[in-house]
Amino acid sequence: MIIKYSPVARKKLAQMKKTIGSDKVGIIVKAISDLKFNPLKCPSVERMLGISSRYYFLHIEHNYIFYRIEPVSYTHLRAHETG
């Protein structure tokens, strides 16, 4: 699984480093990175709130991180392995 951050997420992480520090942001980034191994470990927004949504959320260090899982083609994955 490939984890991609949106431009907004990158900007917010940079802002968080300034306000809460690199150590705390490192914990958050590590938790996000661990989703590669079990992307469905977090509850879905749909299940928790009863609204139709493709998003899941991760609660870490007093922050909610919303994410979605998008299918990636085998060809796309191979391009990342060889690129």
C-alpha atoms as a PDB file:
ATOM      1  CA  MET A   1       0.000   0.000   0.000  1.00  0.00           C
ATOM      2  CA  ILE A   2       1.248   3.477  -0.866  1.00  0.00           C
ATOM      3  CA  ILE A   3       0.449   6.311   1.509  1.00  0.00           C
ATOM      4  CA  LYS A   4       0.035   9.712  -0.113  1.00  0.00           C
ATOM      5  CA  TYR A   5      -0.470  12.961   1.774  1.00  0.00           C
ATOM      6  CA  SER A   6      -2.602  15.669   0.226  1.00  0.00           C
ATOM      7  CA  PRO A   7      -1.006  19.127  -0.092  1.00  0.00           C
ATOM      8  CA  VAL A   8      -3.288  20.326   2.707  1.00  0.00           C
ATOM      9  CA  ALA A   9      -2.180  17.462   4.976  1.00  0.00           C
ATOM     10  CA  ARG A  10       1.497  18.226   4.289  1.00  0.00           C
ATOM     11  CA  LYS A  11       0.928  21.869   5.178  1.00  0.00           C
ATOM     12  CA  LYS A  12      -0.921  20.985   8.377  1.00  0.00           C
ATOM     13  CA  LEU A  13       1.823  18.586   9.468  1.00  0.00           C
ATOM     14  CA  ALA A  14       4.404  21.346   8.931  1.00  0.00           C
ATOM     15  CA  GLN A  15       2.288  23.734  11.021  1.00  0.00           C
ATOM     16  CA  MET A  16       1.874  21.106  13.730  1.00  0.00           C
ATOM     17  CA  LYS A  17       5.655  20.676  13.961  1.00  0.00           C
ATOM     18  CA  LYS A  18       5.871  24.342  14.912  1.00  0.00           C
ATOM     19  CA  THR A  19       3.099  24.171  17.507  1.00  0.00           C
ATOM     20  CA  ILE A  20       3.402  20.737  19.113  1.00  0.00           C
ATOM     21  CA  GLY A  21       6.938  19.768  18.087  1.00  0.00           C
ATOM     22  CA  SER A  22       8.647  17.264  15.837  1.00  0.00           C
ATOM     23  CA  ASP A  23       8.446  14.427  18.358  1.00  0.00           C
ATOM     24  CA  LYS A  24       4.640  14.500  18.535  1.00  0.00           C
ATOM     25  CA  VAL A  25       4.322  14.851  14.752  1.00  0.00           C
ATOM     26  CA  GLY A  26       6.714  11.910  14.397  1.00  0.00           C
ATOM     27  CA  ILE A  27       4.342   9.770  16.488  1.00  0.00           C
ATOM     28  CA  ILE A  28       1.433  10.777  14.263  1.00  0.00           C
ATOM     29  CA  VAL A  29       3.366  10.093  11.036  1.00  0.00           C
ATOM     30  CA  LYS A  30       4.482   6.692  12.387  1.00  0.00           C
ATOM     31  CA  ALA A  31       0.857   5.747  13.183  1.00  0.00           C
ATOM     32  CA  ILE A  32      -0.159   6.767   9.663  1.00  0.00           C
ATOM     33  CA  SER A  33       2.744   4.804   8.178  1.00  0.00           C
ATOM     34  CA  ASP A  34       1.685   1.704  10.140  1.00  0.00           C
ATOM     35  CA  LEU A  35      -1.609   1.750   8.225  1.00  0.00           C
ATOM     36  CA  LYS A  36       0.342   0.190   5.332  1.00  0.00           C
ATOM     37  CA  PHE A  37       0.226  -3.094   7.229  1.00  0.00           C
ATOM     38  CA  ASN A  38      -3.436  -2.965   8.261  1.00  0.00           C
ATOM     39  CA  PRO A  39      -5.349  -0.158   6.523  1.00  0.00           C
ATOM     40  CA  LEU A  40      -8.729  -1.329   7.792  1.00  0.00           C
ATOM     41  CA  LYS A  41      -7.778  -1.368  11.485  1.00  0.00           C
ATOM     42  CA  CYS A  42      -9.496   1.961  12.118  1.00  0.00           C
ATOM     43  CA  PRO A  43     -13.245   2.497  12.241  1.00  0.00           C
ATOM     44  CA  SER A  44     -15.039   3.793   9.195  1.00  0.00           C
ATOM     45  CA  VAL A  45     -16.837   7.112   9.314  1.00  0.00           C
ATOM     46  CA  GLU A  46     -19.861   5.329   7.869  1.00  0.00           C
ATOM     47  CA  ARG A  47     -19.966   2.794  10.694  1.00  0.00           C
ATOM     48  CA  MET A  48     -19.327   5.324  13.463  1.00  0.00           C
ATOM     49  CA  LEU A  49     -21.625   8.108  12.266  1.00  0.00           C
ATOM     50  CA  GLY A  50     -24.111   6.274  10.085  1.00  0.00           C
ATOM     51  CA  ILE A  51     -23.429   8.417   7.025  1.00  0.00           C
ATOM     52  CA  SER A  52     -22.324   7.172   3.640  1.00  0.00           C
ATOM     53  CA  SER A  53     -18.557   7.725   3.372  1.00  0.00           C
ATOM     54  CA  ARG A  54     -15.430   6.015   2.049  1.00  0.00           C
ATOM     55  CA  TYR A  55     -13.316   7.509   4.847  1.00  0.00           C
ATOM     56  CA  TYR A  56     -11.834   5.932   7.962  1.00  0.00           C
ATOM     57  CA  PHE A  57     -10.367   7.738  10.917  1.00  0.00           C
ATOM     58  CA  LEU A  58      -7.369   7.263  13.135  1.00  0.00           C
ATOM     59  CA  HIS A  59      -7.235   8.914  16.561  1.00  0.00           C
ATOM     60  CA  ILE A  60      -3.683   9.562  17.708  1.00  0.00           C
ATOM     61  CA  GLU A  61      -2.157  12.129  20.049  1.00  0.00           C
ATOM     62  CA  HIS A  62      -5.457  14.034  20.468  1.00  0.00           C
ATOM     63  CA  ASN A  63      -5.825  14.337  16.673  1.00  0.00           C
ATOM     64  CA  TYR A  64      -8.194  12.719  14.223  1.00  0.00           C
ATOM     65  CA  ILE A  65      -6.678  11.716  10.906  1.00  0.00           C
ATOM     66  CA  PHE A  66      -9.202  10.963   8.179  1.00  0.00           C
ATOM     67  CA  TYR A  67      -8.140   8.761   5.291  1.00  0.00           C
ATOM     68  CA  ARG A  68      -9.554   6.721   2.477  1.00  0.00           C
ATOM     69  CA  ILE A  69      -8.321   3.650   0.669  1.00  0.00           C
ATOM     70  CA  GLU A  70      -8.169   3.913  -3.093  1.00  0.00           C
ATOM     71  CA  PRO A  71      -7.589   0.950  -5.368  1.00  0.00           C
ATOM     72  CA  VAL A  72      -4.299   1.056  -7.249  1.00  0.00           C
ATOM     73  CA  SER A  73      -3.643  -0.916 -10.407  1.00  0.00           C
ATOM     74  CA  TYR A  74      -0.954  -3.585 -10.494  1.00  0.00           C
ATOM     75  CA  THR A  75       0.809  -1.635 -13.261  1.00  0.00           C
ATOM     76  CA  HIS A  76       0.913   1.447 -11.038  1.00  0.00           C
ATOM     77  CA  LEU A  77       2.424  -0.569  -8.185  1.00  0.00           C
ATOM     78  CA  ARG A  78       5.061  -2.084 -10.469  1.00  0.00           C
ATOM     79  CA  ALA A  79       6.023   1.401 -11.683  1.00  0.00           C
ATOM     80  CA  HIS A  80       6.721   2.431  -8.063  1.00  0.00           C
ATOM     81  CA  GLU A  81       8.808  -0.700  -7.436  1.00  0.00           C
ATOM     82  CA  THR A  82      10.982  -0.177 -10.512  1.00  0.00           C
ATOM     83  CA  GLY A  83      11.062   3.639 -10.527  1.00  0.00           C
END
